[in-house]
Protein backbone atom coordinates (compact mmCIF):
# COMPACT_ATOMS: atom_id res chain seq x y z
CA UNK A 1 65.45 93.85 106.75
CA UNK A 2 63.10 91.31 108.50
CA UNK A 3 64.06 88.77 110.79
CA UNK A 4 61.58 86.58 112.16
CA UNK A 5 62.19 87.59 115.60
CA UNK A 6 61.30 91.66 114.56
CA UNK A 7 58.22 89.73 112.59
CA UNK A 8 56.80 87.71 115.92
CA UNK A 9 57.64 91.28 117.92
CA UNK A 10 54.74 92.98 115.30
CA UNK A 11 52.69 90.27 114.88
CA UNK A 12 51.67 89.78 118.74
CA UNK A 13 51.53 94.26 118.98
CA UNK A 14 49.02 93.76 116.23
CA UNK A 15 46.65 92.43 119.13
CA UNK A 16 45.97 95.27 120.60
CA UNK A 17 42.78 96.09 118.50
CA UNK A 18 41.47 99.56 117.91
CA UNK A 19 37.98 99.64 118.16
CA UNK A 20 36.11 98.79 114.62
CA UNK A 21 35.34 101.92 112.61
CA UNK A 22 31.32 102.72 112.11
CA UNK A 23 30.93 101.55 108.85
CA UNK A 24 28.03 102.88 106.13
CA UNK A 25 28.03 100.74 102.72
CA UNK A 26 25.35 101.86 100.21
CA UNK A 27 26.14 103.00 96.97
CA UNK A 28 25.92 107.00 97.75
CA UNK A 29 27.67 106.86 101.21
CA UNK A 30 30.29 108.64 102.10
CA UNK A 31 33.61 107.46 104.01
CA UNK A 32 34.06 105.62 106.71
CA UNK A 33 35.30 108.40 109.68
CA UNK A 34 38.44 108.33 110.06
CA UNK A 35 40.43 106.17 112.25
CA UNK A 36 43.09 108.83 113.08
CA UNK A 37 46.64 108.59 112.38
CA UNK A 38 48.46 104.72 112.47
CA UNK A 39 45.34 103.15 112.92
CA UNK A 40 45.40 99.44 113.21
CA UNK A 41 42.54 98.02 112.04
CA UNK A 42 38.81 99.08 109.92
CA UNK A 43 35.83 97.81 109.03
CA UNK A 44 35.05 98.18 104.79
CA UNK A 45 32.43 95.72 105.11
CA UNK A 46 29.39 95.17 107.58
CA UNK A 47 26.80 92.22 106.85
CA UNK A 48 23.20 93.61 107.13
CA UNK A 49 24.59 97.16 105.68
CA UNK A 50 24.44 98.51 102.20
CA UNK A 51 21.57 96.20 100.99
CA UNK A 52 22.99 92.79 101.13
CA UNK A 53 22.31 90.20 103.95
CA UNK A 54 25.78 89.27 103.75
CA UNK A 55 29.70 89.74 102.60
CA UNK A 56 32.44 87.00 102.65
CA UNK A 57 35.04 85.83 100.49
CA UNK A 58 37.70 89.13 100.72
CA UNK A 59 40.37 89.59 97.75
CA UNK A 60 42.54 92.83 98.14
CA UNK A 61 45.44 94.43 96.73
CA UNK A 62 47.33 97.63 96.23
CA UNK A 63 47.45 99.87 93.16
CA UNK A 64 50.78 101.27 91.74
CA UNK A 65 48.71 105.04 93.69
CA UNK A 66 49.06 102.62 96.21
CA UNK A 67 45.38 102.83 97.18
CA UNK A 68 43.88 99.70 99.07
CA UNK A 69 40.81 97.87 96.91
CA UNK A 70 39.16 95.47 98.92
CA UNK A 71 36.63 92.94 97.15
CA UNK A 72 33.97 90.89 98.46
CA UNK A 73 31.17 88.88 97.40
CA UNK A 74 27.90 91.18 98.48
CA UNK A 75 25.33 88.29 99.25
CA UNK A 76 21.71 89.78 98.87
CA UNK A 77 19.30 86.89 100.15
CA UNK A 78 21.81 85.03 102.97
CA UNK A 79 25.71 83.69 103.86
CA UNK A 80 25.16 80.97 101.79
CA UNK A 81 27.31 80.17 98.24
CA UNK A 82 23.93 80.18 96.30
CA UNK A 83 21.44 82.86 95.01
CA UNK A 84 21.70 86.31 94.09
CA UNK A 85 25.32 87.67 94.79
CA UNK A 86 27.29 90.62 93.63
CA UNK A 87 30.70 91.39 93.58
CA UNK A 88 31.76 94.73 95.15
CA UNK A 89 34.81 96.96 96.28
CA UNK A 90 35.79 99.66 98.40
CA UNK A 91 39.13 102.18 97.94
CA UNK A 92 41.56 103.49 100.45
CA UNK A 93 43.52 105.90 99.52
CA UNK A 94 45.11 106.00 103.24
CA UNK A 95 46.68 102.74 103.62
CA UNK A 96 43.63 101.30 104.63
CA UNK A 97 42.66 103.51 107.27
CA UNK A 98 38.96 104.70 106.00
CA UNK A 99 37.14 103.48 102.73
CA UNK A 100 35.05 105.27 99.97
CA UNK A 101 31.74 104.36 99.04
CA UNK A 102 30.93 100.58 98.08
CA UNK A 103 30.98 100.19 93.97
CA UNK A 104 28.98 97.39 92.39
CA UNK A 105 31.63 95.39 90.19
CA UNK A 106 29.96 92.43 88.72
CA UNK A 107 25.98 92.19 89.17
CA UNK A 108 24.81 89.12 89.89
CA UNK A 109 21.15 90.10 88.51
CA UNK A 110 19.95 87.32 89.91
CA UNK A 111 23.16 85.21 89.88
CA UNK A 112 25.94 84.31 91.52
CA UNK A 113 29.05 86.04 90.94
CA UNK A 114 31.91 85.24 93.11
CA UNK A 115 35.47 84.28 93.77
CA UNK A 116 37.66 87.60 92.87
CA UNK A 117 41.07 87.09 92.17
CA UNK A 118 42.26 90.86 91.48
CA UNK A 119 45.99 91.16 90.24
CA UNK A 120 47.63 94.58 89.14
CA UNK A 121 49.65 94.51 86.19
CA UNK A 122 53.24 95.89 86.83
CA UNK A 123 54.08 97.33 83.02
CA UNK A 124 50.01 99.05 82.74
CA UNK A 125 49.50 99.62 86.02
CA UNK A 126 45.99 97.72 85.28
CA UNK A 127 43.99 96.03 87.77
CA UNK A 128 43.10 93.16 86.18
CA UNK A 129 39.78 91.10 88.45
CA UNK A 130 38.94 87.52 87.18
CA UNK A 131 35.46 86.32 88.64
CA UNK A 132 33.10 83.05 88.25
CA UNK A 133 29.22 82.96 88.12
CA UNK A 134 26.41 80.58 87.70
CA UNK A 135 22.89 80.15 88.05
CA UNK A 136 21.59 81.55 91.18
CA UNK A 137 19.42 78.55 90.90
CA UNK A 138 21.27 75.83 91.21
CA UNK A 139 24.01 74.75 94.12
CA UNK A 140 27.47 73.73 93.77
CA UNK A 141 26.57 70.45 95.03
CA UNK A 142 23.92 70.13 91.68
CA UNK A 143 27.26 71.67 89.52
CA UNK A 144 29.23 69.19 90.99
CA UNK A 145 26.71 66.11 90.01
CA UNK A 146 26.41 67.26 86.69
CA UNK A 147 22.77 68.19 86.80
CA UNK A 148 22.73 71.86 85.59
CA UNK A 149 23.01 73.33 81.62
CA UNK A 150 26.32 74.91 80.26
CA UNK A 151 24.96 78.12 80.46
CA UNK A 152 23.64 77.16 83.95
CA UNK A 153 27.21 76.04 85.26
CA UNK A 154 30.50 78.12 86.56
CA UNK A 155 31.99 80.20 83.73
CA UNK A 156 34.80 82.51 84.29
CA UNK A 157 35.40 86.00 83.29
CA UNK A 158 38.00 89.06 83.12
CA UNK A 159 37.60 92.97 84.07
CA UNK A 160 40.37 95.59 83.68
CA UNK A 161 40.17 98.87 85.62
CA UNK A 162 42.64 101.39 84.17
CA UNK A 163 41.70 104.17 86.56
CA UNK A 164 42.62 103.07 89.48
CA UNK A 165 39.73 100.69 90.83
CA UNK A 166 36.68 103.54 90.55
CA UNK A 167 35.47 101.92 87.14
CA UNK A 168 36.10 98.35 85.77
CA UNK A 169 35.18 97.43 81.95
CA UNK A 170 32.24 95.23 81.83
CA UNK A 171 32.46 90.85 82.46
CA UNK A 172 33.92 89.32 79.11
CA UNK A 173 33.70 85.44 79.77
CA UNK A 174 36.94 83.56 78.57
CA UNK A 175 35.29 79.83 79.78
CA UNK A 176 36.19 78.42 76.87
CA UNK A 177 40.00 79.17 77.09
CA UNK A 178 40.75 77.81 80.24
CA UNK A 179 37.95 75.42 81.22
CA UNK A 180 38.64 72.12 80.24
CA UNK A 181 35.54 69.82 78.66
CA UNK A 182 34.08 67.95 81.74
CA UNK A 183 35.61 69.92 83.85
CA UNK A 184 32.13 70.50 86.36
CA UNK A 185 32.94 73.00 89.66
CA UNK A 186 35.31 75.89 88.81
CA UNK A 187 36.29 79.10 91.32
CA UNK A 188 39.52 81.45 90.87
CA UNK A 189 41.22 81.84 93.90
CA UNK A 190 40.13 83.31 95.52
CA UNK A 191 42.30 85.78 96.61
CA UNK A 192 44.94 87.82 94.95
CA UNK A 193 46.43 86.65 91.87
CA UNK A 194 50.40 87.01 90.86
CA UNK A 195 51.99 89.36 88.57
CA UNK A 196 55.76 87.78 87.97
CA UNK A 197 57.73 90.02 88.35
CA UNK A 198 61.30 88.34 87.46
CA UNK A 199 63.02 85.26 85.42
CA UNK A 200 61.83 84.58 82.07
CA UNK A 201 58.45 85.32 82.14
CA UNK A 202 58.03 88.34 84.08
CA UNK A 203 55.08 90.64 83.41
CA UNK A 204 53.01 87.39 83.28
CA UNK A 205 49.75 87.37 85.04
CA UNK A 206 48.92 84.36 87.22
CA UNK A 207 45.95 83.46 88.51
CA UNK A 208 45.66 79.53 91.28
CA UNK A 209 42.32 77.85 90.57
CA UNK A 210 40.44 74.62 91.07
CA UNK A 211 37.59 72.40 89.86
CA UNK A 212 36.14 69.49 90.04
CA UNK A 213 36.16 66.62 87.18
CA UNK A 214 33.40 64.21 85.82
CA UNK A 215 34.16 60.43 87.75
CA UNK A 216 35.05 58.03 84.63
CA UNK A 217 33.14 55.81 82.57
CA UNK A 218 31.15 52.64 84.76
CA UNK A 219 32.10 54.56 88.24
CA UNK A 220 29.17 54.58 90.52
CA UNK A 221 30.46 58.02 91.94
CA UNK A 222 28.25 61.19 91.26
CA UNK A 223 30.74 63.92 90.68
CA UNK A 224 29.95 64.99 94.19
CA UNK A 225 32.82 63.50 96.23
CA UNK A 226 36.21 65.71 97.23
CA UNK A 227 38.24 63.15 95.93
CA UNK A 228 37.32 64.92 92.48
CA UNK A 229 38.41 68.53 93.06
CA UNK A 230 41.99 70.00 91.92
CA UNK A 231 43.92 72.21 91.43
CA UNK A 232 45.42 74.31 88.58
CA UNK A 233 46.51 78.07 87.08
CA UNK A 234 45.63 79.97 84.78
CA UNK A 235 47.56 82.79 83.08
CA UNK A 236 48.21 85.74 80.55
CA UNK A 237 51.29 87.41 78.91
CA UNK A 238 49.48 90.23 77.25
CA UNK A 239 47.92 92.17 80.66
CA UNK A 240 44.98 89.61 81.00
CA UNK A 241 43.51 89.70 77.13
CA UNK A 242 44.40 86.14 76.07
CA UNK A 243 44.20 83.46 79.14
CA UNK A 244 45.87 80.03 79.05
CA UNK A 245 45.48 76.94 81.06
CA UNK A 246 48.24 76.51 82.79
CA UNK A 247 49.16 72.76 85.33
CA UNK A 248 46.45 70.76 86.42
CA UNK A 249 46.47 69.06 88.90
CA UNK A 250 44.61 65.65 88.18
CA UNK A 251 45.63 63.27 90.68
CA UNK A 252 41.74 62.79 92.32
CA UNK A 253 42.65 60.06 94.49
CA UNK A 254 40.51 60.90 97.54
CA UNK A 255 44.41 61.27 100.00
CA UNK A 256 44.67 65.04 98.97
CA UNK A 257 42.26 67.14 97.58
CA UNK A 258 43.18 70.55 96.08
CA UNK A 259 41.16 73.19 96.47
CA UNK A 260 40.97 76.59 97.02
CA UNK A 261 44.13 78.31 95.91
CA UNK A 262 46.77 80.58 96.13
CA UNK A 263 50.29 81.91 95.15
CA UNK A 264 53.19 83.69 95.57
CA UNK A 265 56.33 84.30 93.84
CA UNK A 266 59.26 83.36 95.45
CA UNK A 267 62.62 85.83 95.85
CA UNK A 268 64.45 83.15 93.16
CA UNK A 269 61.56 83.98 90.43
CA UNK A 270 59.81 79.99 91.59
CA UNK A 271 55.73 80.56 91.91
CA UNK A 272 54.90 78.56 95.61
CA UNK A 273 50.78 77.56 95.79
CA UNK A 274 49.45 76.81 98.62
CA UNK A 275 45.82 75.16 98.21
CA UNK A 276 43.04 74.07 100.88
CA UNK A 277 43.10 69.95 101.60
CA UNK A 278 38.94 69.32 101.08
CA UNK A 279 38.30 66.37 103.10
CA UNK A 280 41.12 64.36 102.15
CA UNK A 281 42.67 61.37 103.94
CA UNK A 282 45.60 61.96 104.48
CA UNK A 283 46.58 64.01 107.67
CA UNK A 284 46.21 67.96 107.84
CA UNK A 285 44.47 70.19 105.52
CA UNK A 286 46.70 72.42 103.86
CA UNK A 287 48.79 71.11 100.66
CA UNK A 288 52.06 73.26 99.06
CA UNK A 289 53.63 72.83 95.65
CA UNK A 290 55.59 75.34 93.61
CA UNK A 291 56.27 75.73 89.72
CA UNK A 292 59.65 76.79 87.74
CA UNK A 293 57.72 77.50 84.36
CA UNK A 294 55.73 80.25 86.12
CA UNK A 295 52.67 78.08 86.32
CA UNK A 296 52.50 76.22 82.94
CA UNK A 297 53.65 72.65 85.61
CA UNK A 298 54.98 71.75 88.84
CA UNK A 299 57.60 70.82 90.46
CA UNK A 300 55.84 67.83 92.21
CA UNK A 301 52.02 67.38 92.43
CA UNK A 302 50.26 68.88 95.80
CA UNK A 303 51.50 67.38 98.98
CA UNK A 304 50.65 67.76 102.31
CA UNK A 305 52.35 70.86 104.44
CA UNK A 306 52.58 69.20 108.23
CA UNK A 307 53.82 72.80 109.83
CA UNK A 308 50.31 74.21 109.07
CA UNK A 309 48.10 71.62 110.96
CA UNK A 310 46.45 73.87 112.89
CA UNK A 311 44.75 75.47 109.72
CA UNK A 312 40.96 73.81 109.63
CA UNK A 313 39.71 73.20 106.03
CA UNK A 314 39.23 76.44 104.80
CA UNK A 315 41.07 79.00 102.63
CA UNK A 316 44.30 80.90 103.07
CA UNK A 317 46.28 83.35 101.91
CA UNK A 318 49.82 84.20 100.79
CA UNK A 319 52.33 86.67 100.67
CA UNK A 320 56.14 86.79 99.56
CA UNK A 321 57.23 90.21 101.34
CA UNK A 322 59.54 92.41 99.47
CA UNK A 323 62.70 93.04 99.96
CA UNK A 324 65.94 91.15 101.02
CA UNK A 325 66.04 88.11 103.86
CA UNK A 326 62.02 88.59 104.27
CA UNK A 327 59.62 86.07 104.75
CA UNK A 328 56.75 84.11 103.42
CA UNK A 329 53.68 85.30 104.63
CA UNK A 330 50.49 82.46 105.07
CA UNK A 331 46.97 83.32 107.13
CA UNK A 332 44.00 81.43 108.18
CA UNK A 333 42.49 80.77 111.21
CA UNK A 334 44.27 78.25 113.64
CA UNK A 335 41.81 76.30 115.26
CA UNK A 336 42.29 73.32 113.67
CA UNK A 337 38.52 72.29 114.37
CA UNK A 338 36.96 75.32 114.15
CA UNK A 339 36.83 78.94 111.88
CA UNK A 340 38.31 81.02 114.63
CA UNK A 341 41.50 82.65 115.96
CA UNK A 342 42.94 84.34 112.48
CA UNK A 343 46.97 84.21 112.68
CA UNK A 344 49.53 84.68 110.94
CA UNK A 345 52.53 82.04 110.01
CA UNK A 346 56.01 83.33 108.45
CA UNK A 347 58.60 80.81 106.94
CA UNK A 348 61.90 81.80 105.64
CA UNK A 349 62.73 79.14 103.40
CA UNK A 350 60.49 79.33 100.84
CA UNK A 351 57.34 77.29 102.64
CA UNK A 352 59.04 74.53 103.75
CA UNK A 353 58.62 74.84 107.27
CA UNK A 354 56.40 77.34 109.12
CA UNK A 355 56.60 79.14 112.23
CA UNK A 356 54.77 78.74 114.70
CA UNK A 357 51.08 80.79 114.02
CA UNK A 358 51.04 84.58 115.38
CA UNK A 359 46.69 84.90 116.30
CA UNK A 360 45.82 88.51 115.59
CA UNK A 361 42.58 87.83 117.51
CA UNK A 362 40.84 84.22 119.17
CA UNK A 363 37.09 85.87 117.50
CA UNK A 364 35.67 83.40 115.01
CA UNK A 365 36.99 84.26 111.36
CA UNK A 366 36.85 82.92 107.79
CA UNK A 367 38.81 83.36 104.86
CA UNK A 368 41.32 86.55 104.48
CA UNK A 369 43.37 87.61 102.18
CA UNK A 370 47.44 89.91 102.48
CA UNK A 371 48.74 92.54 100.71
CA UNK A 372 52.06 94.51 101.32
CA UNK A 373 51.42 98.11 101.90
CA UNK A 374 54.96 99.47 101.71
CA UNK A 375 58.18 98.49 103.71
CA UNK A 376 57.23 98.57 107.22
CA UNK A 377 52.98 97.16 107.22
CA UNK A 378 50.74 94.40 105.80
CA UNK A 379 47.07 94.22 105.32
CA UNK A 380 44.56 91.43 105.76
CA UNK A 381 41.91 91.57 105.08
CA UNK A 382 39.60 88.58 106.68
CA UNK A 383 36.02 87.33 107.38
CA UNK A 384 35.19 87.89 111.39
CA UNK A 385 33.18 88.46 114.31
CA UNK A 386 32.07 88.32 117.45
CA UNK A 387 29.67 85.19 117.42
CA UNK A 388 30.32 84.00 114.01
CA UNK A 389 33.08 84.25 111.47
CA UNK A 390 30.97 86.14 108.78
CA UNK A 391 29.50 89.57 110.83
CA UNK A 392 32.15 91.48 109.19
CA UNK A 393 35.35 92.02 106.97
CA UNK A 394 38.17 93.93 108.36
CA UNK A 395 41.01 94.56 107.61
CA UNK A 396 44.41 94.44 109.77
CA UNK A 397 47.68 97.02 109.71
CA UNK A 398 50.28 94.94 110.69
CA UNK A 399 53.54 96.64 110.93
CA UNK A 400 56.80 95.04 110.33
CA UNK A 401 59.63 96.78 111.02
């Protein structure tokens, strides 16, 4: 059983770091050198290595065989969101201490592929991966202003792996199933998606996502304004073969602007959604919402989560731990005005309130994703560095007694 006091001791203990692992990342690289028993951290991605200028946008899952998969965007041209970007993965068979060779899962070939949202189908063990793509010559601002063709704009893809993440099927376009006409921007996750394990929709795969809408007729807005961001979800009841659009947040009032989203299933079967508030006028930068029907609808619109006011405008991850009376965890940087000091928060009341943050490091930090390694440990894959947040993608192991 995990209580809050024990979790605090575990998280505080995790601030004692081992030296980062040396890492090599070419396609034919050997595994990262062993970190030794009981490792605390490893570094699957180091910017400037393996043919990429920068690695960003981490996502992680543990397969049915216990393999840890660490996904990221491999950005060829620089740290920016536009250009020649691949989705890549590395595998670990020892709980995230050492890593096998880098594999390209979805190649940009001059275009932008990213926003990995992986999930393991518990019925089959298949890894299902959702990603998005756009032309490498256009920007998010241009897409939001409606200045690009449908072919250049955001599209949504699904891939499958039936061999424990060693190989993935080619990306299959599902845009027409999950993107409304009039939507401009579109992003899955980023971070792990959710496989429902209880309730009437058990087996459903749910992917939290966000979009931007077209301004109403007669408006002088361009569509680039943050007020046109909204959250939504997509889901599949057949292992990722067909997809459906679930709830859609379309308030577009500028008070709360739901952007990059994460989700987890609570012990009572509800889904908990946490979203980045992109420059909304409401105080605070985190939003949350619940669904009782497997992401088809929300019980109420996204609202500000005041106990996460220490979080800056950034993506974050949520994870409900397995087991009786275990907490809900949230990860993100913990400095309101900067991407710095990766931390964990916990909630014992299904996300209504969260504890004070427990800092894992005071270094610069950005995006993150959480996974449960076993009954005793969680893993967090996150962007960090010494002078900036995008120098490495680190995997930290945190013991939960």
